[in-house]
C-alpha cells in the first residue's frame, strides 16, 4: 500500500495524529479505500473503492 496524507492543509493536522489514505486489495482482488490513524493500532476503516469519493466531491 502507498499511504498519502488525507488533508490538503498540512498545517491543519494535529501534530500527534497521522491519518492516511491508501488503496488496497481484498482476498478476492477487489480494490478497497482504507483510511487509518497510523499512530494507533487497529484504528482503520475500509470500504469498496467504487463507493468512495474524492476530497473535491466532498467539498
Protein backbone atom coordinates (compact mmCIF):
# COMPACT_ATOMS: atom_id res chain seq x y z
CA UNK A 1 0.00 0.00 0.00
CA UNK A 2 1.09 3.55 -0.67
CA UNK A 3 -0.08 5.91 2.07
CA UNK A 4 -0.90 9.57 1.39
CA UNK A 5 -1.98 12.36 3.72
CA UNK A 6 -5.74 12.87 3.80
CA UNK A 7 -5.73 16.63 4.48
CA UNK A 8 -4.86 19.24 1.86
CA UNK A 9 -3.64 21.66 4.54
CA UNK A 10 -0.63 20.06 6.25
CA UNK A 11 -0.64 22.73 8.99
CA UNK A 12 -4.27 21.89 9.88
CA UNK A 13 -3.35 18.40 11.05
CA UNK A 14 -2.97 17.59 14.72
CA UNK A 15 0.76 17.03 15.33
CA UNK A 16 0.36 13.77 17.28
CA UNK A 17 -2.13 12.21 14.85
CA UNK A 18 -1.39 10.96 11.37
CA UNK A 19 -4.42 9.94 9.34
CA UNK A 20 -3.58 8.42 5.99
CA UNK A 21 -5.39 7.04 2.94
CA UNK A 22 -4.46 4.07 0.77
CA UNK A 23 -5.91 1.79 -1.88
CA UNK A 24 -5.54 -1.92 -1.13
CA UNK A 25 -6.98 -5.19 -2.43
CA UNK A 26 -9.02 -7.74 -0.54
CA UNK A 27 -8.60 -11.50 -0.87
CA UNK A 28 -10.83 -11.51 -3.99
CA UNK A 29 -8.73 -8.83 -5.71
CA UNK A 30 -11.36 -6.08 -5.28
CA UNK A 31 -9.95 -2.61 -4.54
CA UNK A 32 -10.60 -1.07 -1.12
CA UNK A 33 -10.26 2.52 0.09
CA UNK A 34 -8.54 2.40 3.51
CA UNK A 35 -8.39 5.28 5.99
CA UNK A 36 -6.17 4.72 9.03
CA UNK A 37 -4.80 6.57 12.02
CA UNK A 38 -1.28 5.19 11.79
CA UNK A 39 -0.43 6.37 15.32
CA UNK A 40 -2.90 3.83 16.79
CA UNK A 41 -3.09 0.07 16.30
CA UNK A 42 -6.30 -1.23 14.77
CA UNK A 43 -7.61 2.31 14.08
CA UNK A 44 -8.69 1.94 10.46
CA UNK A 45 -11.74 1.53 8.26
CA UNK A 46 -12.16 0.35 4.68
CA UNK A 47 -14.89 0.49 2.05
CA UNK A 48 -15.03 -0.64 -1.57
CA UNK A 49 -13.10 1.89 -3.65
CA UNK A 50 -16.04 2.15 -6.06
CA UNK A 51 -18.18 3.55 -3.19
CA UNK A 52 -15.63 6.15 -2.05
CA UNK A 53 -15.47 9.79 -3.12
CA UNK A 54 -12.60 12.17 -3.78
CA UNK A 55 -11.92 15.13 -1.46
CA UNK A 56 -13.18 17.52 -4.14
CA UNK A 57 -16.50 15.62 -4.29
CA UNK A 58 -16.98 16.12 -0.54
CA UNK A 59 -16.36 19.88 -0.76
